N, C-alpha and C. Protein backbone atom coordinates (compact mmCIF):
# COMPACT_ATOMS: atom_id res chain seq x y z
N MET A 1 11.59 28.35 28.50
CA MET A 1 11.53 27.77 27.14
C MET A 1 10.55 26.60 27.29
N ASN A 2 10.90 26.12 28.31
CA ASN A 2 9.92 25.03 28.64
C ASN A 2 8.50 25.06 29.12
N THR A 3 8.41 26.09 29.52
CA THR A 3 6.44 26.62 29.85
C THR A 3 6.32 26.90 28.25
N SER A 4 7.00 27.81 27.98
CA SER A 4 6.31 28.09 26.26
C SER A 4 6.35 26.45 25.39
N THR A 5 7.08 25.88 25.46
CA THR A 5 7.31 24.38 24.70
C THR A 5 5.69 24.04 25.33
N SER A 6 5.22 23.76 26.77
CA SER A 6 4.16 23.43 27.07
C SER A 6 2.83 23.65 26.66
N SER A 7 2.85 25.29 26.89
CA SER A 7 2.01 25.98 26.51
C SER A 7 1.35 25.75 25.26
N VAL A 8 2.38 25.82 24.60
CA VAL A 8 2.03 25.27 22.76
C VAL A 8 1.51 23.89 22.57
N SER A 9 2.05 23.35 23.25
CA SER A 9 1.73 21.21 23.67
C SER A 9 0.25 21.29 23.81
N VAL A 10 -0.04 21.81 25.02
CA VAL A 10 -1.37 22.41 25.42
C VAL A 10 -2.64 22.67 24.47
N SER A 11 -2.17 23.77 23.44
CA SER A 11 -2.77 24.58 23.05
C SER A 11 -3.36 23.73 21.36
N SER A 12 -2.00 22.93 21.27
CA SER A 12 -2.38 22.11 19.96
C SER A 12 -3.05 21.00 20.25
N LEU A 13 -2.82 20.52 21.53
CA LEU A 13 -3.78 19.22 21.78
C LEU A 13 -5.43 19.48 21.79
N SER A 14 -5.62 20.74 22.39
CA SER A 14 -6.96 21.05 22.65
C SER A 14 -7.64 21.21 21.44
N THR A 15 -7.07 21.37 20.09
CA THR A 15 -7.75 21.25 19.13
C THR A 15 -8.08 19.86 18.28
N LEU A 16 -7.43 18.89 18.81
CA LEU A 16 -7.41 17.72 18.12
C LEU A 16 -8.70 17.06 18.38
N SER A 17 -9.28 16.58 17.15
CA SER A 17 -10.44 15.69 16.90
C SER A 17 -10.38 14.51 18.03
N VAL A 18 -11.29 14.03 18.26
CA VAL A 18 -11.20 12.44 19.13
C VAL A 18 -10.65 11.59 18.08
N ARG A 19 -10.58 11.39 16.64
CA ARG A 19 -9.83 10.27 16.11
C ARG A 19 -8.26 10.80 15.94
N GLU A 20 -8.12 12.32 15.80
CA GLU A 20 -6.63 12.83 16.24
C GLU A 20 -5.83 12.21 17.63
N ARG A 21 -6.53 12.57 18.02
CA ARG A 21 -6.03 12.17 19.60
C ARG A 21 -6.06 10.72 19.93
N SER A 22 -6.56 9.94 18.90
CA SER A 22 -6.38 8.11 18.96
C SER A 22 -5.57 8.10 18.40
N VAL A 23 -5.27 9.00 17.45
CA VAL A 23 -3.88 8.34 15.88
C VAL A 23 -2.71 9.14 16.99
N LEU A 24 -2.69 10.16 17.69
CA LEU A 24 -1.50 10.47 18.33
C LEU A 24 -1.27 9.53 19.79
N ALA A 25 -2.40 9.04 20.25
CA ALA A 25 -2.01 7.99 21.54
C ALA A 25 -1.38 6.74 20.56
N ALA A 26 -1.87 6.11 19.66
CA ALA A 26 -1.21 5.05 18.92
C ALA A 26 0.12 5.08 18.21
N LEU A 27 0.51 6.79 18.28
CA LEU A 27 1.83 7.26 17.63
C LEU A 27 3.13 7.11 18.79
N ARG A 28 2.71 7.49 20.01
CA ARG A 28 3.55 7.90 20.86
C ARG A 28 4.43 7.01 21.20
N PRO A 29 3.96 5.53 21.14
CA PRO A 29 4.58 4.24 21.75
C PRO A 29 5.78 4.18 20.48
N PHE A 30 5.77 4.67 19.15
CA PHE A 30 6.61 4.79 18.39
C PHE A 30 7.47 5.96 18.09
N LEU A 31 6.83 7.44 18.61
CA LEU A 31 8.01 8.11 18.30
C LEU A 31 8.02 9.17 19.60
N GLY A 32 7.43 8.76 20.86
CA GLY A 32 7.63 9.24 21.89
C GLY A 32 7.44 10.74 22.17
N ALA A 33 8.49 11.56 22.83
CA ALA A 33 8.00 13.02 22.92
C ALA A 33 7.73 13.51 21.51
N ASP A 34 8.33 13.10 20.53
CA ASP A 34 8.24 13.69 18.89
C ASP A 34 7.05 13.36 18.56
N ALA A 35 6.61 12.50 18.59
CA ALA A 35 5.17 12.24 18.32
C ALA A 35 4.16 13.19 17.65
N GLU A 36 3.67 14.30 18.64
CA GLU A 36 2.84 15.72 18.81
C GLU A 36 3.66 16.53 17.38
N GLY A 37 4.74 16.91 17.63
CA GLY A 37 5.63 17.82 16.87
C GLY A 37 5.23 17.19 15.50
N LEU A 38 5.82 15.66 14.98
CA LEU A 38 5.74 15.39 13.96
C LEU A 38 4.54 15.22 13.19
N TYR A 39 3.47 14.84 13.81
CA TYR A 39 2.30 15.02 13.39
C TYR A 39 1.76 15.99 13.01
N GLU A 40 1.64 17.32 13.99
CA GLU A 40 1.75 18.68 13.50
C GLU A 40 2.35 18.53 12.52
N ALA A 41 3.56 18.65 12.08
CA ALA A 41 4.17 19.03 10.90
C ALA A 41 3.74 18.46 9.82
N GLN A 42 3.21 17.36 9.85
CA GLN A 42 2.55 17.05 8.45
C GLN A 42 1.45 17.05 8.20
N GLY A 43 0.67 18.23 9.18
CA GLY A 43 -0.71 18.39 8.96
C GLY A 43 -1.69 17.53 9.00
N ARG A 44 -1.19 16.65 10.63
CA ARG A 44 -2.31 15.75 10.95
C ARG A 44 -2.51 14.46 10.01
N SER A 45 -1.80 14.64 9.17
CA SER A 45 -2.22 13.46 7.89
C SER A 45 -1.41 11.97 8.21
N LEU A 46 -1.68 10.89 8.64
CA LEU A 46 -1.15 9.66 8.85
C LEU A 46 -0.70 9.43 7.72
N HIS A 47 -0.94 9.38 6.04
CA HIS A 47 -0.40 9.28 5.15
C HIS A 47 1.13 9.98 4.99
N LYS A 48 1.04 11.26 5.61
CA LYS A 48 1.87 12.30 5.15
C LYS A 48 3.01 11.85 6.19
N LEU A 49 2.91 11.31 7.34
CA LEU A 49 3.75 10.83 8.52
C LEU A 49 4.60 9.91 7.81
N VAL A 50 3.67 8.94 7.45
CA VAL A 50 4.52 7.68 6.96
C VAL A 50 5.11 7.65 6.06
N CYS A 51 4.60 9.03 5.17
CA CYS A 51 5.85 9.07 4.20
C CYS A 51 7.11 9.88 4.40
N PHE A 52 6.79 10.57 5.74
CA PHE A 52 7.94 11.02 5.83
C PHE A 52 8.74 9.93 6.71
N ALA A 53 8.11 9.40 7.53
CA ALA A 53 8.98 8.11 8.05
C ALA A 53 9.84 7.19 6.88
N ARG A 54 8.90 6.45 5.90
CA ARG A 54 9.84 6.19 4.86
C ARG A 54 11.19 6.32 4.84
N ASP A 55 11.65 7.85 4.79
CA ASP A 55 12.72 8.43 4.47
C ASP A 55 13.57 8.75 5.80
N SER A 56 13.00 8.71 5.99
CA SER A 56 13.92 8.95 8.06
C SER A 56 14.75 8.18 8.61
N SER A 57 15.83 8.74 9.07
CA SER A 57 16.27 7.83 9.84
C SER A 57 16.04 7.78 11.59
N LEU A 58 15.35 8.64 11.59
CA LEU A 58 14.86 8.90 13.39
C LEU A 58 14.64 7.45 13.86
N PRO A 59 15.22 7.10 14.87
CA PRO A 59 15.12 5.75 15.46
C PRO A 59 13.02 5.86 15.29
N GLY A 60 12.22 6.17 16.13
CA GLY A 60 10.98 6.49 16.10
C GLY A 60 10.52 6.11 14.88
N CYS A 61 11.13 6.79 13.62
CA CYS A 61 10.56 6.46 12.38
C CYS A 61 10.79 4.80 11.66
N VAL A 62 11.87 4.80 12.47
CA VAL A 62 11.99 3.14 11.81
C VAL A 62 11.14 2.29 12.59
N GLN A 63 10.89 2.62 13.95
CA GLN A 63 10.13 1.59 14.22
C GLN A 63 8.57 1.49 13.89
N LEU A 64 8.34 2.93 13.66
CA LEU A 64 6.99 3.24 13.18
C LEU A 64 6.87 2.51 12.07
N MET A 65 8.04 2.35 11.17
CA MET A 65 8.04 1.51 9.92
C MET A 65 7.73 -0.02 9.92
N SER A 66 8.36 -0.73 11.01
CA SER A 66 8.67 -1.83 11.36
C SER A 66 6.83 -2.14 11.76
N GLY A 67 5.93 -1.13 12.79
CA GLY A 67 4.76 -1.42 13.03
C GLY A 67 4.07 -1.92 11.75
N LEU A 68 4.07 -1.07 10.75
CA LEU A 68 3.27 -0.90 9.61
C LEU A 68 3.64 -2.09 9.03
N ARG A 69 4.92 -2.89 8.74
CA ARG A 69 4.88 -4.06 8.42
C ARG A 69 4.33 -5.08 8.78
N LEU A 70 4.64 -5.34 10.34
CA LEU A 70 3.99 -6.25 11.14
C LEU A 70 2.11 -5.95 10.75
N ALA A 71 1.47 -4.85 10.72
CA ALA A 71 0.41 -4.62 10.53
C ALA A 71 0.05 -5.34 9.27
N ARG A 72 0.71 -5.27 8.16
CA ARG A 72 0.79 -5.63 6.86
C ARG A 72 0.66 -7.32 6.80
N GLU A 73 1.51 -7.67 7.85
CA GLU A 73 2.12 -9.05 7.88
C GLU A 73 0.50 -10.14 8.65
N LEU A 74 -0.08 -8.85 9.18
CA LEU A 74 -1.19 -9.63 10.16
C LEU A 74 -2.34 -9.36 9.11
N LEU A 75 -2.74 -8.87 8.20
CA LEU A 75 -3.43 -8.71 7.15
C LEU A 75 -2.94 -9.82 6.21
N ALA A 76 -1.80 -10.07 5.95
CA ALA A 76 -1.52 -11.25 5.18
C ALA A 76 -2.22 -12.91 5.28
N GLU A 77 -2.01 -12.66 6.76
CA GLU A 77 -2.06 -13.77 7.30
C GLU A 77 -3.98 -14.13 6.91
N GLU A 78 -4.72 -13.04 7.43
CA GLU A 78 -6.04 -13.06 6.60
C GLU A 78 -6.17 -13.51 4.86
N LEU A 79 -5.08 -13.13 4.50
CA LEU A 79 -5.56 -13.03 3.21
C LEU A 79 -5.18 -14.72 2.56
N ARG A 80 -4.77 -15.54 3.37
CA ARG A 80 -4.03 -16.95 3.08
C ARG A 80 -5.25 -18.02 2.77
N PRO A 81 -6.29 -17.99 3.29
CA PRO A 81 -7.35 -19.03 2.91
C PRO A 81 -7.92 -18.23 1.78
N GLY A 82 -8.30 -19.10 0.60
CA GLY A 82 -8.61 -18.71 -0.62
C GLY A 82 -9.65 -17.92 -0.50
N GLU A 83 -10.86 -18.02 0.08
CA GLU A 83 -11.86 -16.90 -0.19
C GLU A 83 -11.73 -15.68 0.00
N ALA A 84 -10.72 -15.27 0.94
CA ALA A 84 -10.51 -13.74 1.08
C ALA A 84 -10.18 -13.10 -0.28
N PHE A 85 -9.68 -14.00 -0.88
CA PHE A 85 -9.46 -12.99 -2.82
C PHE A 85 -10.71 -12.71 -3.27
N ARG A 86 -11.81 -13.27 -2.72
CA ARG A 86 -13.07 -13.17 -3.59
C ARG A 86 -13.51 -12.02 -2.96
N SER A 87 -12.42 -11.30 -1.90
CA SER A 87 -13.14 -9.65 -1.26
C SER A 87 -11.87 -8.86 -1.56
N THR A 88 -12.56 -7.71 -2.16
CA THR A 88 -11.74 -6.87 -2.70
C THR A 88 -11.58 -5.93 -1.90
N TYR A 89 -12.06 -5.99 -0.49
CA TYR A 89 -11.96 -5.27 0.63
C TYR A 89 -10.61 -5.63 1.16
N ALA A 90 -10.45 -6.96 1.19
CA ALA A 90 -9.49 -7.76 2.37
C ALA A 90 -8.39 -7.37 1.57
N VAL A 91 -8.26 -7.51 0.22
CA VAL A 91 -7.08 -7.31 -0.86
C VAL A 91 -6.68 -5.81 -1.03
N SER A 92 -7.46 -5.10 -1.10
CA SER A 92 -7.28 -3.57 -0.86
C SER A 92 -7.12 -3.30 0.27
N ASP A 93 -7.30 -3.68 1.83
CA ASP A 93 -6.88 -2.92 2.38
C ASP A 93 -5.23 -3.06 2.89
N TYR A 94 -4.82 -4.35 2.37
CA TYR A 94 -3.59 -5.12 2.62
C TYR A 94 -2.72 -4.24 1.12
N LEU A 95 -3.25 -4.28 0.03
CA LEU A 95 -2.26 -2.89 -0.56
C LEU A 95 -2.28 -1.73 -0.23
N LYS A 96 -3.46 -1.09 0.50
CA LYS A 96 -2.94 0.46 0.84
C LYS A 96 -2.14 0.19 2.14
N LEU A 97 -2.13 -0.81 2.81
CA LEU A 97 -0.97 -0.52 3.49
C LEU A 97 0.60 -0.31 3.26
N HIS A 98 0.72 -1.87 2.00
CA HIS A 98 1.85 -1.43 1.26
C HIS A 98 2.20 -0.67 0.78
N PHE A 99 1.29 0.09 0.09
CA PHE A 99 1.82 1.31 -0.57
C PHE A 99 1.93 2.58 0.41
N ALA A 100 1.53 2.63 1.36
CA ALA A 100 1.15 3.80 2.00
C ALA A 100 2.50 4.75 2.30
N GLY A 101 2.67 5.66 1.99
CA GLY A 101 3.23 6.92 2.11
C GLY A 101 4.36 6.82 1.27
N GLN A 102 4.46 6.09 0.33
CA GLN A 102 5.29 5.90 -1.12
C GLN A 102 5.27 7.17 -1.70
N THR A 103 6.17 7.48 -2.09
CA THR A 103 6.46 8.69 -2.95
C THR A 103 6.75 8.91 -4.73
N HIS A 104 6.73 7.24 -4.96
CA HIS A 104 7.05 6.66 -6.38
C HIS A 104 6.06 5.65 -6.67
N GLU A 105 6.08 5.94 -7.80
CA GLU A 105 5.26 4.18 -8.63
C GLU A 105 6.08 3.37 -8.15
N SER A 106 4.95 2.42 -7.95
CA SER A 106 5.96 0.75 -8.31
C SER A 106 4.72 -0.26 -8.67
N PHE A 107 5.00 -1.43 -9.20
CA PHE A 107 4.26 -2.21 -9.74
C PHE A 107 4.36 -3.60 -8.87
N ALA A 108 3.25 -4.29 -8.02
CA ALA A 108 3.06 -5.67 -7.23
C ALA A 108 2.47 -6.44 -8.12
N VAL A 109 3.03 -7.66 -7.54
CA VAL A 109 2.00 -8.86 -7.87
C VAL A 109 1.72 -9.92 -6.82
N LEU A 110 0.71 -10.29 -6.68
CA LEU A 110 0.08 -11.28 -5.76
C LEU A 110 -0.07 -12.48 -6.77
N PHE A 111 0.87 -13.56 -6.20
CA PHE A 111 0.79 -14.88 -6.79
C PHE A 111 0.02 -16.02 -6.01
N LEU A 112 -1.27 -16.30 -6.62
CA LEU A 112 -1.98 -17.54 -5.89
C LEU A 112 -1.93 -18.67 -6.58
N ASP A 113 -2.20 -19.49 -5.94
CA ASP A 113 -2.52 -21.26 -6.45
C ASP A 113 -3.75 -21.05 -7.06
N ALA A 114 -3.99 -22.64 -7.40
CA ALA A 114 -5.21 -23.04 -8.06
C ALA A 114 -6.81 -22.66 -7.12
N HIS A 115 -6.12 -22.84 -5.62
CA HIS A 115 -6.90 -22.52 -4.78
C HIS A 115 -7.23 -21.24 -4.04
N LEU A 116 -6.64 -20.18 -5.04
CA LEU A 116 -6.70 -18.90 -4.55
C LEU A 116 -5.85 -18.71 -3.14
N THR A 117 -5.07 -19.70 -2.98
CA THR A 117 -3.95 -19.36 -1.75
C THR A 117 -2.82 -18.72 -2.13
N LEU A 118 -2.32 -17.69 -1.32
CA LEU A 118 -1.20 -16.81 -1.49
C LEU A 118 -0.24 -17.64 -1.59
N LEU A 119 0.74 -17.48 -2.39
CA LEU A 119 2.10 -17.94 -2.77
C LEU A 119 3.01 -17.04 -2.34
N ALA A 120 2.91 -15.67 -2.87
CA ALA A 120 4.01 -14.79 -2.58
C ALA A 120 3.42 -13.29 -3.30
N PHE A 121 4.15 -12.53 -2.67
CA PHE A 121 4.00 -10.90 -3.01
C PHE A 121 5.00 -10.41 -3.47
N GLU A 122 4.96 -9.83 -4.35
CA GLU A 122 6.53 -9.13 -4.81
C GLU A 122 6.43 -7.62 -5.50
N ASP A 123 6.93 -7.16 -5.35
CA ASP A 123 7.16 -5.67 -5.84
C ASP A 123 8.20 -5.79 -6.73
N LEU A 124 7.45 -5.57 -8.05
CA LEU A 124 8.48 -6.15 -9.28
C LEU A 124 8.98 -5.10 -10.03
N PHE A 125 8.46 -3.93 -10.01
CA PHE A 125 9.05 -2.74 -10.78
C PHE A 125 8.84 -1.41 -9.80
N ARG A 126 9.76 -0.34 -9.81
CA ARG A 126 9.97 0.66 -9.09
C ARG A 126 9.98 1.65 -10.39
N GLY A 127 9.46 2.72 -10.10
CA GLY A 127 9.28 3.78 -11.35
C GLY A 127 9.62 5.18 -10.61
N THR A 128 8.90 6.23 -11.10
CA THR A 128 9.52 7.23 -10.68
C THR A 128 7.80 7.83 -10.18
N LEU A 129 7.67 8.90 -9.84
CA LEU A 129 6.41 9.98 -9.41
C LEU A 129 5.37 9.48 -10.09
N THR A 130 5.77 9.46 -11.31
CA THR A 130 4.41 9.40 -12.38
C THR A 130 4.51 8.37 -13.24
N HIS A 131 5.43 7.41 -13.23
CA HIS A 131 5.66 6.39 -14.69
C HIS A 131 6.40 5.29 -13.73
N THR A 132 6.11 4.11 -14.42
CA THR A 132 6.62 2.78 -14.01
C THR A 132 6.81 2.08 -15.53
N SER A 133 7.92 1.28 -15.61
CA SER A 133 8.11 0.49 -16.79
C SER A 133 8.05 -0.84 -16.38
N ILE A 134 6.86 -1.53 -17.17
CA ILE A 134 6.73 -2.84 -16.89
C ILE A 134 6.98 -3.83 -18.16
N TYR A 135 7.92 -5.09 -17.41
CA TYR A 135 7.55 -5.42 -18.27
C TYR A 135 7.07 -6.95 -18.61
N PRO A 136 6.02 -7.39 -19.06
CA PRO A 136 5.45 -8.56 -19.28
C PRO A 136 6.23 -9.96 -18.91
N ARG A 137 7.36 -9.94 -19.57
CA ARG A 137 8.26 -11.11 -19.54
C ARG A 137 8.71 -11.58 -18.34
N GLU A 138 9.10 -10.59 -17.50
CA GLU A 138 9.47 -10.70 -15.99
C GLU A 138 7.95 -11.29 -15.09
N VAL A 139 7.20 -10.43 -15.59
CA VAL A 139 6.02 -11.04 -14.74
C VAL A 139 5.19 -12.92 -15.17
N LEU A 140 5.66 -13.12 -16.21
CA LEU A 140 5.79 -14.34 -16.43
C LEU A 140 6.68 -15.47 -15.97
N LYS A 141 7.98 -14.34 -15.95
CA LYS A 141 8.71 -15.38 -15.49
C LYS A 141 8.42 -15.83 -13.85
N ARG A 142 8.16 -14.70 -13.31
CA ARG A 142 8.20 -14.70 -11.81
C ARG A 142 7.05 -15.82 -11.77
N ALA A 143 5.62 -15.77 -12.32
CA ALA A 143 4.68 -16.46 -12.10
C ALA A 143 5.03 -18.18 -12.33
N LEU A 144 5.71 -18.35 -13.34
CA LEU A 144 6.11 -19.81 -13.57
C LEU A 144 6.68 -20.40 -12.33
N GLN A 145 7.72 -19.45 -11.68
CA GLN A 145 8.77 -19.63 -10.75
C GLN A 145 7.80 -20.22 -9.57
N HIS A 146 6.96 -19.39 -9.58
CA HIS A 146 6.04 -19.59 -8.15
C HIS A 146 4.90 -20.52 -8.59
N ASN A 147 5.06 -21.04 -9.96
CA ASN A 147 3.63 -21.94 -10.12
C ASN A 147 2.11 -21.50 -9.53
N ALA A 148 2.55 -20.06 -10.15
CA ALA A 148 0.95 -19.71 -10.06
C ALA A 148 -0.16 -20.08 -11.01
N ALA A 149 -1.34 -20.15 -10.68
CA ALA A 149 -2.11 -20.27 -11.35
C ALA A 149 -3.11 -18.74 -11.80
N ALA A 150 -2.86 -18.14 -10.85
CA ALA A 150 -3.90 -16.51 -11.36
C ALA A 150 -2.86 -15.53 -10.22
N VAL A 151 -3.51 -14.36 -10.68
CA VAL A 151 -2.29 -13.18 -9.96
C VAL A 151 -3.51 -12.29 -9.97
N ILE A 152 -2.90 -11.20 -9.06
CA ILE A 152 -3.77 -10.27 -8.66
C ILE A 152 -2.55 -8.84 -8.82
N LEU A 153 -2.77 -8.06 -9.68
CA LEU A 153 -1.63 -6.79 -10.22
C LEU A 153 -2.42 -5.59 -9.14
N ALA A 154 -0.64 -5.01 -9.02
CA ALA A 154 -1.68 -3.94 -8.19
C ALA A 154 -0.24 -2.74 -8.29
N HIS A 155 -0.72 -1.19 -8.31
CA HIS A 155 0.26 -0.42 -8.78
C HIS A 155 -0.38 0.63 -7.56
N ASN A 156 0.53 1.71 -7.47
CA ASN A 156 0.10 2.76 -6.71
C ASN A 156 -0.04 4.23 -7.92
N HIS A 157 -0.72 5.07 -7.65
CA HIS A 157 -0.59 6.34 -7.77
C HIS A 157 -0.17 7.27 -7.27
N PRO A 158 1.30 7.78 -6.77
CA PRO A 158 1.66 8.85 -6.06
C PRO A 158 0.63 10.22 -5.65
N SER A 159 0.18 10.37 -7.08
CA SER A 159 -0.43 11.65 -7.15
C SER A 159 -1.71 11.88 -6.63
N GLY A 160 -2.24 11.06 -6.13
CA GLY A 160 -3.31 10.85 -5.28
C GLY A 160 -4.69 10.62 -6.49
N ASP A 161 -4.28 11.11 -7.76
CA ASP A 161 -5.62 10.30 -8.41
C ASP A 161 -5.65 8.97 -8.48
N VAL A 162 -7.06 8.00 -8.00
CA VAL A 162 -7.10 6.71 -7.94
C VAL A 162 -8.15 6.14 -9.09
N GLU A 163 -8.32 6.74 -10.06
CA GLU A 163 -8.60 6.28 -11.19
C GLU A 163 -7.63 5.84 -12.32
N PRO A 164 -8.17 4.32 -12.60
CA PRO A 164 -7.14 3.73 -13.46
C PRO A 164 -7.05 4.59 -14.95
N SER A 165 -5.59 4.76 -15.87
CA SER A 165 -5.95 5.39 -16.68
C SER A 165 -5.75 4.47 -18.07
N ALA A 166 -5.52 5.25 -19.30
CA ALA A 166 -5.87 4.27 -20.28
C ALA A 166 -4.55 3.43 -20.43
N ALA A 167 -3.47 4.20 -19.84
CA ALA A 167 -2.30 3.46 -19.75
C ALA A 167 -2.32 2.07 -19.06
N ASP A 168 -3.22 1.88 -17.65
CA ASP A 168 -3.34 0.99 -16.70
C ASP A 168 -4.23 -0.12 -17.37
N ARG A 169 -5.19 0.50 -18.18
CA ARG A 169 -6.44 -0.36 -18.84
C ARG A 169 -5.23 -1.29 -20.15
N ALA A 170 -4.40 -0.30 -20.77
CA ALA A 170 -3.77 -1.21 -21.70
C ALA A 170 -3.04 -2.32 -20.90
N LEU A 171 -1.98 -1.91 -19.88
CA LEU A 171 -1.31 -2.81 -19.47
C LEU A 171 -1.72 -4.11 -18.65
N THR A 172 -3.19 -3.84 -18.59
CA THR A 172 -3.83 -4.92 -17.85
C THR A 172 -4.42 -5.85 -19.03
N ASP A 173 -4.62 -5.48 -20.09
CA ASP A 173 -5.33 -6.26 -21.13
C ASP A 173 -3.84 -7.12 -21.88
N GLU A 174 -2.98 -6.07 -21.73
CA GLU A 174 -1.45 -6.98 -22.27
C GLU A 174 -1.22 -8.01 -21.44
N LEU A 175 -1.01 -7.75 -20.27
CA LEU A 175 -0.61 -8.79 -18.90
C LEU A 175 -1.62 -9.73 -19.33
N LYS A 176 -3.00 -9.69 -19.35
CA LYS A 176 -3.95 -10.72 -19.05
C LYS A 176 -3.87 -11.34 -20.32
N HIS A 177 -3.47 -11.10 -21.55
CA HIS A 177 -3.17 -12.08 -22.65
C HIS A 177 -1.74 -12.33 -22.89
N ALA A 178 -0.82 -12.06 -22.26
CA ALA A 178 0.62 -12.60 -22.11
C ALA A 178 0.10 -14.09 -21.02
N LEU A 179 -0.25 -13.32 -19.74
CA LEU A 179 -0.56 -14.79 -19.35
C LEU A 179 -1.11 -15.96 -19.40
N ALA A 180 -2.38 -15.51 -20.40
CA ALA A 180 -3.16 -16.87 -20.54
C ALA A 180 -2.46 -17.50 -21.45
N HIS A 181 -1.16 -17.27 -22.00
CA HIS A 181 -0.37 -18.18 -22.72
C HIS A 181 0.18 -19.27 -21.37
N ILE A 182 0.08 -18.85 -20.28
CA ILE A 182 0.76 -20.03 -19.59
C ILE A 182 -0.37 -20.28 -18.74
N ASP A 183 -1.25 -20.25 -18.73
CA ASP A 183 -2.75 -20.60 -18.25
C ASP A 183 -2.76 -19.77 -16.85
N VAL A 184 -2.25 -18.68 -16.79
CA VAL A 184 -2.53 -18.09 -15.28
C VAL A 184 -3.78 -16.85 -15.85
N ARG A 185 -4.26 -17.13 -14.90
CA ARG A 185 -5.61 -15.98 -14.66
C ARG A 185 -5.14 -14.91 -14.29
N VAL A 186 -5.52 -13.45 -14.78
CA VAL A 186 -5.45 -11.97 -14.12
C VAL A 186 -6.95 -12.03 -13.69
N LEU A 187 -6.68 -11.94 -12.02
CA LEU A 187 -8.41 -11.96 -11.27
C LEU A 187 -8.46 -10.44 -11.13
N ASP A 188 -7.61 -9.61 -10.75
CA ASP A 188 -7.86 -8.09 -10.78
C ASP A 188 -6.71 -7.39 -10.89
N HIS A 189 -6.92 -6.00 -11.03
CA HIS A 189 -5.63 -5.14 -10.94
C HIS A 189 -6.26 -3.87 -10.13
N PHE A 190 -5.69 -3.74 -8.87
CA PHE A 190 -5.72 -2.68 -7.94
C PHE A 190 -5.08 -1.41 -8.36
N VAL A 191 -5.28 -0.08 -8.55
CA VAL A 191 -4.99 1.04 -7.99
C VAL A 191 -5.20 1.79 -6.68
N VAL A 192 -4.05 2.40 -6.39
CA VAL A 192 -3.99 2.43 -4.77
C VAL A 192 -3.53 4.18 -5.05
N ALA A 193 -4.15 4.64 -4.56
CA ALA A 193 -3.77 6.18 -3.83
C ALA A 193 -4.11 6.62 -2.34
N GLY A 194 -3.23 6.74 -1.63
CA GLY A 194 -3.25 7.19 -0.48
C GLY A 194 -4.30 6.02 0.29
N ASN A 195 -5.56 6.64 1.36
CA ASN A 195 -6.03 5.59 1.45
C ASN A 195 -7.49 5.66 0.64
N ARG A 196 -7.27 5.50 -0.90
CA ARG A 196 -8.29 4.68 -1.37
C ARG A 196 -7.92 3.94 -2.63
N ALA A 197 -8.46 2.88 -3.18
CA ALA A 197 -8.04 1.91 -3.80
C ALA A 197 -9.24 1.56 -4.86
N VAL A 198 -8.99 1.28 -5.95
CA VAL A 198 -10.18 0.87 -7.10
C VAL A 198 -9.78 -0.70 -7.82
N SER A 199 -10.89 -1.23 -7.64
CA SER A 199 -10.86 -2.49 -8.26
C SER A 199 -11.24 -2.71 -9.96
N MET A 200 -10.18 -2.62 -10.80
CA MET A 200 -10.52 -2.58 -12.20
C MET A 200 -11.50 -3.89 -12.29
N ALA A 201 -11.54 -4.83 -11.78
CA ALA A 201 -11.95 -6.01 -12.01
C ALA A 201 -13.45 -5.43 -11.61
N GLU A 202 -13.77 -4.78 -10.18
CA GLU A 202 -15.61 -4.39 -10.25
C GLU A 202 -15.85 -3.20 -11.16
N ARG A 203 -14.95 -2.53 -12.29
CA ARG A 203 -15.17 -1.86 -13.09
C ARG A 203 -15.30 -2.18 -14.17
N GLY A 204 -15.31 -3.53 -14.35
CA GLY A 204 -15.51 -4.35 -15.92
C GLY A 204 -14.14 -4.22 -16.70
N LEU A 205 -12.89 -3.86 -15.99
CA LEU A 205 -11.86 -3.57 -16.76
C LEU A 205 -10.98 -4.60 -17.17
N VAL A 206 -11.05 -6.23 -15.97
CA VAL A 206 -10.27 -6.89 -16.37
C VAL A 206 -11.10 -7.99 -17.09
């Protein structure tokens, strides 16, 4: 049995690309001996593996999610200077890490002060695979509590379609007008799907 397992492992390793070997090496400190088997079972997709790890109680998966949170916090430190929020790349990288592997839609908000310094980041609403109910009053309430001067909105599309929908555009307009009444600007609205993110501001939709 041990010989058979070993030969399968060697055969599998021989077909890995340079990138996949690098990913597997990074996974081993978290997943140990299970790293290769779990990586293979998820089609060598890191996104699918993180999705699996989110709902798994395996000790290695719990550690992997902790590592993901640390990576997100590392990016958050880079976001603290106000200039970072003028770069869609820095914000989209942060959001892609936040939504990685999530199988349900959720809506999040980054609250910023007048100097575009990050005050808080909150997941405000959780939905289903294809829909999330958003309540503008709650967004306004949280903006006032944080004394925010601006916000960046974000939500994910677990379906994999990164294009903003008509409903996304309507919601952005609704929140933009509602928040304007309390002098809070909507700087952007990001749609995240897997390892892709679209800035609605770059599309002229904010």
